[in-house]
mmCIF file of all heavy atoms, coordinates in Angstrom:
data_MODEL
# 
_entry.id   MODEL 
# 
loop_
_atom_site.group_PDB 
_atom_site.id 
_atom_site.type_symbol 
_atom_site.label_atom_id 
_atom_site.label_alt_id 
_atom_site.label_comp_id 
_atom_site.label_asym_id 
_atom_site.label_entity_id 
_atom_site.label_seq_id 
_atom_site.pdbx_PDB_ins_code 
_atom_site.Cartn_x 
_atom_site.Cartn_y 
_atom_site.Cartn_z 
_atom_site.occupancy 
_atom_site.B_iso_or_equiv 
_atom_site.pdbx_formal_charge 
_atom_site.auth_seq_id 
_atom_site.auth_comp_id 
_atom_site.auth_asym_id 
_atom_site.auth_atom_id 
_atom_site.pdbx_PDB_model_num 
ATOM 1   N N   . MET A 1 1  ? 26.217 102.781 52.955 1.00 0.00 ? 1  MET A N   1 
ATOM 2   C CA  . MET A 1 1  ? 25.320 101.669 53.218 1.00 0.00 ? 1  MET A CA  1 
ATOM 3   C C   . MET A 1 1  ? 25.019 100.939 51.917 1.00 0.00 ? 1  MET A C   1 
ATOM 4   O O   . MET A 1 1  ? 24.507 101.539 50.985 1.00 0.00 ? 1  MET A O   1 
ATOM 5   C CB  . MET A 1 1  ? 24.011 102.177 53.833 1.00 0.00 ? 1  MET A CB  1 
ATOM 6   C CG  . MET A 1 1  ? 24.181 102.863 55.174 1.00 0.00 ? 1  MET A CG  1 
ATOM 7   S SD  . MET A 1 1  ? 22.588 103.417 55.805 1.00 0.00 ? 1  MET A SD  1 
ATOM 8   C CE  . MET A 1 1  ? 23.130 104.267 57.271 1.00 0.00 ? 1  MET A CE  1 
ATOM 9   N N   . SER A 1 2  ? 25.325 99.670  51.842 1.00 0.00 ? 2  SER A N   1 
ATOM 10  C CA  . SER A 1 2  ? 25.129 98.936  50.601 1.00 0.00 ? 2  SER A CA  1 
ATOM 11  C C   . SER A 1 2  ? 23.793 98.221  50.544 1.00 0.00 ? 2  SER A C   1 
ATOM 12  O O   . SER A 1 2  ? 23.279 97.962  49.463 1.00 0.00 ? 2  SER A O   1 
ATOM 13  C CB  . SER A 1 2  ? 26.265 97.917  50.426 1.00 0.00 ? 2  SER A CB  1 
ATOM 14  O OG  . SER A 1 2  ? 26.306 97.028  51.535 1.00 0.00 ? 2  SER A OG  1 
ATOM 15  N N   . GLU A 1 3  ? 23.196 97.870  51.700 1.00 0.00 ? 3  GLU A N   1 
ATOM 16  C CA  . GLU A 1 3  ? 21.929 97.165  51.693 1.00 0.00 ? 3  GLU A CA  1 
ATOM 17  C C   . GLU A 1 3  ? 20.810 98.121  51.310 1.00 0.00 ? 3  GLU A C   1 
ATOM 18  O O   . GLU A 1 3  ? 20.949 99.340  51.345 1.00 0.00 ? 3  GLU A O   1 
ATOM 19  C CB  . GLU A 1 3  ? 21.643 96.552  53.062 1.00 0.00 ? 3  GLU A CB  1 
ATOM 20  C CG  . GLU A 1 3  ? 22.681 95.538  53.517 1.00 0.00 ? 3  GLU A CG  1 
ATOM 21  C CD  . GLU A 1 3  ? 23.775 96.179  54.360 1.00 0.00 ? 3  GLU A CD  1 
ATOM 22  O OE1 . GLU A 1 3  ? 23.975 97.398  54.228 1.00 0.00 ? 3  GLU A OE1 1 
ATOM 23  O OE2 . GLU A 1 3  ? 24.416 95.462  55.126 1.00 0.00 ? 3  GLU A OE2 1 
ATOM 24  N N   . ARG A 1 4  ? 19.673 97.542  50.976 1.00 0.00 ? 4  ARG A N   1 
ATOM 25  C CA  . ARG A 1 4  ? 18.567 98.387  50.535 1.00 0.00 ? 4  ARG A CA  1 
ATOM 26  C C   . ARG A 1 4  ? 17.932 99.128  51.699 1.00 0.00 ? 4  ARG A C   1 
ATOM 27  O O   . ARG A 1 4  ? 18.081 98.776  52.862 1.00 0.00 ? 4  ARG A O   1 
ATOM 28  C CB  . ARG A 1 4  ? 17.522 97.537  49.811 1.00 0.00 ? 4  ARG A CB  1 
ATOM 29  C CG  . ARG A 1 4  ? 16.810 96.526  50.681 1.00 0.00 ? 4  ARG A CG  1 
ATOM 30  C CD  . ARG A 1 4  ? 15.769 95.772  49.887 1.00 0.00 ? 4  ARG A CD  1 
ATOM 31  N NE  . ARG A 1 4  ? 15.089 94.796  50.720 1.00 0.00 ? 4  ARG A NE  1 
ATOM 32  C CZ  . ARG A 1 4  ? 13.928 94.238  50.420 1.00 0.00 ? 4  ARG A CZ  1 
ATOM 33  N NH1 . ARG A 1 4  ? 13.327 94.570  49.292 1.00 0.00 ? 4  ARG A NH1 1 
ATOM 34  N NH2 . ARG A 1 4  ? 13.368 93.360  51.222 1.00 0.00 ? 4  ARG A NH2 1 
ATOM 35  N N   . ILE A 1 5  ? 17.189 100.164 51.332 1.00 0.00 ? 5  ILE A N   1 
ATOM 36  C CA  . ILE A 1 5  ? 16.475 100.987 52.301 1.00 0.00 ? 5  ILE A CA  1 
ATOM 37  C C   . ILE A 1 5  ? 14.985 100.813 52.051 1.00 0.00 ? 5  ILE A C   1 
ATOM 38  O O   . ILE A 1 5  ? 14.522 100.858 50.912 1.00 0.00 ? 5  ILE A O   1 
ATOM 39  C CB  . ILE A 1 5  ? 16.883 102.458 52.173 1.00 0.00 ? 5  ILE A CB  1 
ATOM 40  C CG1 . ILE A 1 5  ? 18.340 102.629 52.630 1.00 0.00 ? 5  ILE A CG1 1 
ATOM 41  C CG2 . ILE A 1 5  ? 15.963 103.360 52.980 1.00 0.00 ? 5  ILE A CG2 1 
ATOM 42  C CD1 . ILE A 1 5  ? 18.874 104.047 52.491 1.00 0.00 ? 5  ILE A CD1 1 
ATOM 43  N N   . LEU A 1 6  ? 14.242 100.593 53.124 1.00 0.00 ? 6  LEU A N   1 
ATOM 44  C CA  . LEU A 1 6  ? 12.790 100.443 53.045 1.00 0.00 ? 6  LEU A CA  1 
ATOM 45  C C   . LEU A 1 6  ? 12.137 101.790 53.322 1.00 0.00 ? 6  LEU A C   1 
ATOM 46  O O   . LEU A 1 6  ? 12.490 102.480 54.281 1.00 0.00 ? 6  LEU A O   1 
ATOM 47  C CB  . LEU A 1 6  ? 12.311 99.416  54.069 1.00 0.00 ? 6  LEU A CB  1 
ATOM 48  C CG  . LEU A 1 6  ? 10.797 99.159  54.112 1.00 0.00 ? 6  LEU A CG  1 
ATOM 49  C CD1 . LEU A 1 6  ? 10.346 98.409  52.862 1.00 0.00 ? 6  LEU A CD1 1 
ATOM 50  C CD2 . LEU A 1 6  ? 10.415 98.380  55.373 1.00 0.00 ? 6  LEU A CD2 1 
ATOM 51  N N   . VAL A 1 7  ? 11.185 102.152 52.473 1.00 0.00 ? 7  VAL A N   1 
ATOM 52  C CA  . VAL A 1 7  ? 10.452 103.401 52.645 1.00 0.00 ? 7  VAL A CA  1 
ATOM 53  C C   . VAL A 1 7  ? 8.990  103.060 52.875 1.00 0.00 ? 7  VAL A C   1 
ATOM 54  O O   . VAL A 1 7  ? 8.274  102.675 51.948 1.00 0.00 ? 7  VAL A O   1 
ATOM 55  C CB  . VAL A 1 7  ? 10.606 104.324 51.415 1.00 0.00 ? 7  VAL A CB  1 
ATOM 56  C CG1 . VAL A 1 7  ? 9.807  105.608 51.610 1.00 0.00 ? 7  VAL A CG1 1 
ATOM 57  C CG2 . VAL A 1 7  ? 12.074 104.639 51.164 1.00 0.00 ? 7  VAL A CG2 1 
ATOM 58  N N   . THR A 1 8  ? 8.539  103.155 54.122 1.00 0.00 ? 8  THR A N   1 
ATOM 59  C CA  . THR A 1 8  ? 7.117  102.937 54.384 1.00 0.00 ? 8  THR A CA  1 
ATOM 60  C C   . THR A 1 8  ? 6.356  104.203 53.999 1.00 0.00 ? 8  THR A C   1 
ATOM 61  O O   . THR A 1 8  ? 6.912  105.294 53.935 1.00 0.00 ? 8  THR A O   1 
ATOM 62  C CB  . THR A 1 8  ? 6.854  102.565 55.856 1.00 0.00 ? 8  THR A CB  1 
ATOM 63  O OG1 . THR A 1 8  ? 7.128  103.693 56.695 1.00 0.00 ? 8  THR A OG1 1 
ATOM 64  C CG2 . THR A 1 8  ? 7.723  101.391 56.283 1.00 0.00 ? 8  THR A CG2 1 
ATOM 65  N N   . GLY A 1 9  ? 5.063  104.038 53.718 1.00 0.00 ? 9  GLY A N   1 
ATOM 66  C CA  . GLY A 1 9  ? 4.331  105.167 53.162 1.00 0.00 ? 9  GLY A CA  1 
ATOM 67  C C   . GLY A 1 9  ? 4.961  105.617 51.870 1.00 0.00 ? 9  GLY A C   1 
ATOM 68  O O   . GLY A 1 9  ? 4.960  106.794 51.519 1.00 0.00 ? 9  GLY A O   1 
ATOM 69  N N   . GLY A 1 10 ? 5.483  104.644 51.126 1.00 0.00 ? 10 GLY A N   1 
ATOM 70  C CA  . GLY A 1 10 ? 6.351  104.941 49.990 1.00 0.00 ? 10 GLY A CA  1 
ATOM 71  C C   . GLY A 1 10 ? 5.691  105.554 48.783 1.00 0.00 ? 10 GLY A C   1 
ATOM 72  O O   . GLY A 1 10 ? 6.392  106.002 47.873 1.00 0.00 ? 10 GLY A O   1 
ATOM 73  N N   . THR A 1 11 ? 4.358  105.590 48.750 1.00 0.00 ? 11 THR A N   1 
ATOM 74  C CA  . THR A 1 11 ? 3.673  106.261 47.647 1.00 0.00 ? 11 THR A CA  1 
ATOM 75  C C   . THR A 1 11 ? 3.022  107.565 48.113 1.00 0.00 ? 11 THR A C   1 
ATOM 76  O O   . THR A 1 11 ? 2.291  108.195 47.353 1.00 0.00 ? 11 THR A O   1 
ATOM 77  C CB  . THR A 1 11 ? 2.596  105.347 47.025 1.00 0.00 ? 11 THR A CB  1 
ATOM 78  O OG1 . THR A 1 11 ? 1.643  104.976 48.043 1.00 0.00 ? 11 THR A OG1 1 
ATOM 79  C CG2 . THR A 1 11 ? 3.222  104.092 46.451 1.00 0.00 ? 11 THR A CG2 1 
ATOM 80  N N   . GLY A 1 12 ? 3.288  107.970 49.358 1.00 0.00 ? 12 GLY A N   1 
ATOM 81  C CA  . GLY A 1 12 ? 2.688  109.172 49.919 1.00 0.00 ? 12 GLY A CA  1 
ATOM 82  C C   . GLY A 1 12 ? 3.482  110.432 49.609 1.00 0.00 ? 12 GLY A C   1 
ATOM 83  O O   . GLY A 1 12 ? 4.445  110.425 48.832 1.00 0.00 ? 12 GLY A O   1 
ATOM 84  N N   . THR A 1 13 ? 3.105  111.510 50.266 1.00 0.00 ? 13 THR A N   1 
ATOM 85  C CA  . THR A 1 13 ? 3.663  112.830 49.964 1.00 0.00 ? 13 THR A CA  1 
ATOM 86  C C   . THR A 1 13 ? 5.168  112.884 50.166 1.00 0.00 ? 13 THR A C   1 
ATOM 87  O O   . THR A 1 13 ? 5.907  113.338 49.279 1.00 0.00 ? 13 THR A O   1 
ATOM 88  C CB  . THR A 1 13 ? 2.979  113.906 50.827 1.00 0.00 ? 13 THR A CB  1 
ATOM 89  O OG1 . THR A 1 13 ? 1.566  113.888 50.564 1.00 0.00 ? 13 THR A OG1 1 
ATOM 90  C CG2 . THR A 1 13 ? 3.532  115.286 50.501 1.00 0.00 ? 13 THR A CG2 1 
ATOM 91  N N   . THR A 1 14 ? 5.640  112.448 51.328 1.00 0.00 ? 14 THR A N   1 
ATOM 92  C CA  . THR A 1 14 ? 7.087  112.471 51.555 1.00 0.00 ? 14 THR A CA  1 
ATOM 93  C C   . THR A 1 14 ? 7.740  111.173 51.118 1.00 0.00 ? 14 THR A C   1 
ATOM 94  O O   . THR A 1 14 ? 8.845  111.183 50.584 1.00 0.00 ? 14 THR A O   1 
ATOM 95  C CB  . THR A 1 14 ? 7.428  112.741 53.032 1.00 0.00 ? 14 THR A CB  1 
ATOM 96  O OG1 . THR A 1 14 ? 6.931  111.674 53.850 1.00 0.00 ? 14 THR A OG1 1 
ATOM 97  C CG2 . THR A 1 14 ? 6.848  114.073 53.478 1.00 0.00 ? 14 THR A CG2 1 
ATOM 98  N N   . GLY A 1 15 ? 7.069  110.034 51.347 1.00 0.00 ? 15 GLY A N   1 
ATOM 99  C CA  . GLY A 1 15 ? 7.670  108.740 51.018 1.00 0.00 ? 15 GLY A CA  1 
ATOM 100 C C   . GLY A 1 15 ? 8.036  108.613 49.563 1.00 0.00 ? 15 GLY A C   1 
ATOM 101 O O   . GLY A 1 15 ? 9.119  108.099 49.224 1.00 0.00 ? 15 GLY A O   1 
ATOM 102 N N   . SER A 1 16 ? 7.155  109.059 48.676 1.00 0.00 ? 16 SER A N   1 
ATOM 103 C CA  . SER A 1 16 ? 7.447  108.962 47.242 1.00 0.00 ? 16 SER A CA  1 
ATOM 104 C C   . SER A 1 16 ? 8.663  109.806 46.888 1.00 0.00 ? 16 SER A C   1 
ATOM 105 O O   . SER A 1 16 ? 9.492  109.414 46.052 1.00 0.00 ? 16 SER A O   1 
ATOM 106 C CB  . SER A 1 16 ? 6.232  109.402 46.424 1.00 0.00 ? 16 SER A CB  1 
ATOM 107 O OG  . SER A 1 16 ? 5.896  110.758 46.691 1.00 0.00 ? 16 SER A OG  1 
ATOM 108 N N   . ARG A 1 17 ? 8.796  110.941 47.525 1.00 0.00 ? 17 ARG A N   1 
ATOM 109 C CA  . ARG A 1 17 ? 9.945  111.811 47.264 1.00 0.00 ? 17 ARG A CA  1 
ATOM 110 C C   . ARG A 1 17 ? 11.233 111.213 47.831 1.00 0.00 ? 17 ARG A C   1 
ATOM 111 O O   . ARG A 1 17 ? 12.298 111.312 47.216 1.00 0.00 ? 17 ARG A O   1 
ATOM 112 C CB  . ARG A 1 17 ? 9.686  113.197 47.860 1.00 0.00 ? 17 ARG A CB  1 
ATOM 113 C CG  . ARG A 1 17 ? 8.637  114.011 47.107 1.00 0.00 ? 17 ARG A CG  1 
ATOM 114 C CD  . ARG A 1 17 ? 8.236  115.255 47.889 1.00 0.00 ? 17 ARG A CD  1 
ATOM 115 N NE  . ARG A 1 17 ? 7.472  116.212 47.085 1.00 0.00 ? 17 ARG A NE  1 
ATOM 116 C CZ  . ARG A 1 17 ? 6.179  116.128 46.855 1.00 0.00 ? 17 ARG A CZ  1 
ATOM 117 N NH1 . ARG A 1 17 ? 5.482  115.111 47.363 1.00 0.00 ? 17 ARG A NH1 1 
ATOM 118 N NH2 . ARG A 1 17 ? 5.556  117.046 46.121 1.00 0.00 ? 17 ARG A NH2 1 
ATOM 119 N N   . VAL A 1 18 ? 11.140 110.604 49.006 1.00 0.00 ? 18 VAL A N   1 
ATOM 120 C CA  . VAL A 1 18 ? 12.308 109.946 49.586 1.00 0.00 ? 18 VAL A CA  1 
ATOM 121 C C   . VAL A 1 18 ? 12.765 108.806 48.684 1.00 0.00 ? 18 VAL A C   1 
ATOM 122 O O   . VAL A 1 18 ? 13.962 108.674 48.379 1.00 0.00 ? 18 VAL A O   1 
ATOM 123 C CB  . VAL A 1 18 ? 11.986 109.420 51.001 1.00 0.00 ? 18 VAL A CB  1 
ATOM 124 C CG1 . VAL A 1 18 ? 13.128 108.536 51.518 1.00 0.00 ? 18 VAL A CG1 1 
ATOM 125 C CG2 . VAL A 1 18 ? 11.753 110.580 51.958 1.00 0.00 ? 18 VAL A CG2 1 
ATOM 126 N N   . ALA A 1 19 ? 11.829 107.971 48.248 1.00 0.00 ? 19 ALA A N   1 
ATOM 127 C CA  . ALA A 1 19 ? 12.170 106.835 47.392 1.00 0.00 ? 19 ALA A CA  1 
ATOM 128 C C   . ALA A 1 19 ? 12.819 107.298 46.092 1.00 0.00 ? 19 ALA A C   1 
ATOM 129 O O   . ALA A 1 19 ? 13.808 106.713 45.631 1.00 0.00 ? 19 ALA A O   1 
ATOM 130 C CB  . ALA A 1 19 ? 10.919 106.006 47.099 1.00 0.00 ? 19 ALA A CB  1 
ATOM 131 N N   . ARG A 1 20 ? 12.271 108.336 45.504 1.00 0.00 ? 20 ARG A N   1 
ATOM 132 C CA  . ARG A 1 20 ? 12.834 108.838 44.242 1.00 0.00 ? 20 ARG A CA  1 
ATOM 133 C C   . ARG A 1 20 ? 14.250 109.375 44.435 1.00 0.00 ? 20 ARG A C   1 
ATOM 134 O O   . ARG A 1 20 ? 15.144 109.092 43.622 1.00 0.00 ? 20 ARG A O   1 
ATOM 135 C CB  . ARG A 1 20 ? 11.922 109.926 43.671 1.00 0.00 ? 20 ARG A CB  1 
ATOM 136 C CG  . ARG A 1 20 ? 12.390 110.475 42.337 1.00 0.00 ? 20 ARG A CG  1 
ATOM 137 C CD  . ARG A 1 20 ? 11.353 111.369 41.682 1.00 0.00 ? 20 ARG A CD  1 
ATOM 138 N NE  . ARG A 1 20 ? 11.023 112.523 42.490 1.00 0.00 ? 20 ARG A NE  1 
ATOM 139 C CZ  . ARG A 1 20 ? 9.867  112.713 43.104 1.00 0.00 ? 20 ARG A CZ  1 
ATOM 140 N NH1 . ARG A 1 20 ? 8.924  111.791 43.032 1.00 0.00 ? 20 ARG A NH1 1 
ATOM 141 N NH2 . ARG A 1 20 ? 9.640  113.810 43.797 1.00 0.00 ? 20 ARG A NH2 1 
ATOM 142 N N   . ARG A 1 21 ? 14.477 110.114 45.493 1.00 0.00 ? 21 ARG A N   1 
ATOM 143 C CA  . ARG A 1 21 ? 15.814 110.658 45.741 1.00 0.00 ? 21 ARG A CA  1 
ATOM 144 C C   . ARG A 1 21 ? 16.826 109.545 46.012 1.00 0.00 ? 21 ARG A C   1 
ATOM 145 O O   . ARG A 1 21 ? 17.974 109.613 45.556 1.00 0.00 ? 21 ARG A O   1 
ATOM 146 C CB  . ARG A 1 21 ? 15.772 111.636 46.919 1.00 0.00 ? 21 ARG A CB  1 
ATOM 147 C CG  . ARG A 1 21 ? 15.155 112.974 46.579 1.00 0.00 ? 21 ARG A CG  1 
ATOM 148 C CD  . ARG A 1 21 ? 15.032 113.859 47.813 1.00 0.00 ? 21 ARG A CD  1 
ATOM 149 N NE  . ARG A 1 21 ? 14.506 115.165 47.472 1.00 0.00 ? 21 ARG A NE  1 
ATOM 150 C CZ  . ARG A 1 21 ? 15.234 116.223 47.139 1.00 0.00 ? 21 ARG A CZ  1 
ATOM 151 N NH1 . ARG A 1 21 ? 16.560 116.107 47.107 1.00 0.00 ? 21 ARG A NH1 1 
ATOM 152 N NH2 . ARG A 1 21 ? 14.683 117.383 46.835 1.00 0.00 ? 21 ARG A NH2 1 
ATOM 153 N N   . LEU A 1 22 ? 16.430 108.532 46.759 1.00 0.00 ? 22 LEU A N   1 
ATOM 154 C CA  . LEU A 1 22 ? 17.334 107.414 47.020 1.00 0.00 ? 22 LEU A CA  1 
ATOM 155 C C   . LEU A 1 22 ? 17.702 106.710 45.720 1.00 0.00 ? 22 LEU A C   1 
ATOM 156 O O   . LEU A 1 22 ? 18.877 106.385 45.481 1.00 0.00 ? 22 LEU A O   1 
ATOM 157 C CB  . LEU A 1 22 ? 16.681 106.431 47.993 1.00 0.00 ? 22 LEU A CB  1 
ATOM 158 C CG  . LEU A 1 22 ? 16.535 106.903 49.445 1.00 0.00 ? 22 LEU A CG  1 
ATOM 159 C CD1 . LEU A 1 22 ? 15.653 105.931 50.222 1.00 0.00 ? 22 LEU A CD1 1 
ATOM 160 C CD2 . LEU A 1 22 ? 17.898 107.035 50.124 1.00 0.00 ? 22 LEU A CD2 1 
ATOM 161 N N   . ALA A 1 23 ? 16.698 106.463 44.874 1.00 0.00 ? 23 ALA A N   1 
ATOM 162 C CA  . ALA A 1 23 ? 16.965 105.803 43.594 1.00 0.00 ? 23 ALA A CA  1 
ATOM 163 C C   . ALA A 1 23 ? 17.896 106.643 42.728 1.00 0.00 ? 23 ALA A C   1 
ATOM 164 O O   . ALA A 1 23 ? 18.784 106.106 42.046 1.00 0.00 ? 23 ALA A O   1 
ATOM 165 C CB  . ALA A 1 23 ? 15.648 105.533 42.866 1.00 0.00 ? 23 ALA A CB  1 
ATOM 166 N N   . GLU A 1 24 ? 17.721 107.956 42.766 1.00 0.00 ? 24 GLU A N   1 
ATOM 167 C CA  . GLU A 1 24 ? 18.595 108.845 41.985 1.00 0.00 ? 24 GLU A CA  1 
ATOM 168 C C   . GLU A 1 24 ? 20.038 108.786 42.470 1.00 0.00 ? 24 GLU A C   1 
ATOM 169 O O   . GLU A 1 24 ? 20.967 109.046 41.692 1.00 0.00 ? 24 GLU A O   1 
ATOM 170 C CB  . GLU A 1 24 ? 18.065 110.277 42.061 1.00 0.00 ? 24 GLU A CB  1 
ATOM 171 C CG  . GLU A 1 24 ? 16.774 110.485 41.270 1.00 0.00 ? 24 GLU A CG  1 
ATOM 172 C CD  . GLU A 1 24 ? 16.144 111.846 41.532 1.00 0.00 ? 24 GLU A CD  1 
ATOM 173 O OE1 . GLU A 1 24 ? 16.640 112.564 42.438 1.00 0.00 ? 24 GLU A OE1 1 
ATOM 174 O OE2 . GLU A 1 24 ? 15.163 112.196 40.846 1.00 0.00 ? 24 GLU A OE2 1 
ATOM 175 N N   . HIS A 1 25 ? 20.217 108.415 43.732 1.00 0.00 ? 25 HIS A N   1 
ATOM 176 C CA  . HIS A 1 25 ? 21.556 108.252 44.298 1.00 0.00 ? 25 HIS A CA  1 
ATOM 177 C C   . HIS A 1 25 ? 22.099 106.837 44.085 1.00 0.00 ? 25 HIS A C   1 
ATOM 178 O O   . HIS A 1 25 ? 23.166 106.488 44.595 1.00 0.00 ? 25 HIS A O   1 
ATOM 179 C CB  . HIS A 1 25 ? 21.547 108.569 45.795 1.00 0.00 ? 25 HIS A CB  1 
ATOM 180 C CG  . HIS A 1 25 ? 21.507 110.034 46.111 1.00 0.00 ? 25 HIS A CG  1 
ATOM 181 N ND1 . HIS A 1 25 ? 20.337 110.757 46.088 1.00 0.00 ? 25 HIS A ND1 1 
ATOM 182 C CD2 . HIS A 1 25 ? 22.496 110.911 46.440 1.00 0.00 ? 25 HIS A CD2 1 
ATOM 183 C CE1 . HIS A 1 25 ? 20.605 112.018 46.410 1.00 0.00 ? 25 HIS A CE1 1 
ATOM 184 N NE2 . HIS A 1 25 ? 21.898 112.134 46.618 1.00 0.00 ? 25 HIS A NE2 1 
ATOM 185 N N   . GLY A 1 26 ? 21.355 106.016 43.353 1.00 0.00 ? 26 GLY A N   1 
ATOM 186 C CA  . GLY A 1 26 ? 21.805 104.663 43.069 1.00 0.00 ? 26 GLY A CA  1 
ATOM 187 C C   . GLY A 1 26 ? 21.649 103.698 44.224 1.00 0.00 ? 26 GLY A C   1 
ATOM 188 O O   . GLY A 1 26 ? 22.310 102.649 44.262 1.00 0.00 ? 26 GLY A O   1 
ATOM 189 N N   . ILE A 1 27 ? 20.772 104.010 45.161 1.00 0.00 ? 27 ILE A N   1 
ATOM 190 C CA  . ILE A 1 27 ? 20.557 103.161 46.334 1.00 0.00 ? 27 ILE A CA  1 
ATOM 191 C C   . ILE A 1 27 ? 19.356 102.264 46.102 1.00 0.00 ? 27 ILE A C   1 
ATOM 192 O O   . ILE A 1 27 ? 18.304 102.713 45.619 1.00 0.00 ? 27 ILE A O   1 
ATOM 193 C CB  . ILE A 1 27 ? 20.342 104.040 47.586 1.00 0.00 ? 27 ILE A CB  1 
ATOM 194 C CG1 . ILE A 1 27 ? 21.598 104.864 47.860 1.00 0.00 ? 27 ILE A CG1 1 
ATOM 195 C CG2 . ILE A 1 27 ? 19.979 103.193 48.797 1.00 0.00 ? 27 ILE A CG2 1 
ATOM 196 C CD1 . ILE A 1 27 ? 21.411 105.934 48.922 1.00 0.00 ? 27 ILE A CD1 1 
# 
């Protein structure tokens, strides 16, 4: 998937972790 991914609740317990992992994968 080349388009960006939206993470709602992105500063919360799971959202912040999801966002960080996606960024680490270059997404």
